[in-house]
Amino acid sequence: MSTPHIKAEKKDIAKTVLMPGDPLRAKYIADTFLDNVTQFNEVRNMFGYTGYYNGRKISVMGSGMGQPSIGIYSYELFKFFDVENIVRIGSCGAYSKDLKLYDTILASEAFSESTYAYVQNKEKRDTLPASRDLNNKLVSIAKDLDIPLNIGIVHSSDVFYRENPDDAIKQAKEKDLLGVEMESYALFHNANVTDKKAACLLTVSDSLVTSESTTPEERQTAFTNMMKIALELAE
């Protein structure tokens, strides 16, 4: 079957899908880590691939930027393609001076000012949890791989360019937020309404405290720790 945004059959997509925001990061993961790769989607250049990691099947697909975009793709994967688990693997800005570039974050919850969840099904909570089961598995995998994890609440913002960025820093301190990205709240909501599982691993790409940052090329290819952790969920 196909949807307006994904041209594939159910059998083409694994039960677990890794979702970077950038479709070129999806391509990089497929080219670098997977064997026997087939491309299952190229609609709107939102590339999706299925292959094998150490003999186990897994898919990777871009989500685009922002909650409306990941909202569309994750909902279709959960609802129409029988995907059971989606793990966002993305970049984030650090709110804490203790976080360094390339540090890995596992989101326990996602906070957002977004109306996405309320419009979708009248969900009123502004903070939504990741799957406890998936997070437990990711923590165990990271420990086995000796990759340190920073675990906490992340901020899913609808706005990248704020006119008053200090407001975000103030809010982060009040709510004990580790970092800011733009997708996980909608992903967690879609998992809740479809009775599926979702998690979010992030790599610190820049700091709102120190103003350090990585390059676009590094964001596409160098954030390998979170990729290695998530890939171990292949079945």
Foldseek 3Di string as FASTA:
>chain_A
DADPAWQAALVQADLEEEEEQDQLLQVQCCVPFFPPKDWRGCGVHFTKIWGDGVRFIHIYTYQHAAAVRVLVVLLCCLPPNVRFEYEYEYAWAFLDPVDDFLAKEWEQKEFEPDCLLCVVPNDDDRIFGADPVVVVLLVVLCVVVVHDYHYYYAYAYRDDDDPCVVVVSVVCVVVVHGTYGHHVNSNRSSCVVSVHGYIYMYGYAAYPVPGDGDDPVCRSHVSCSVVVSSSVVGD
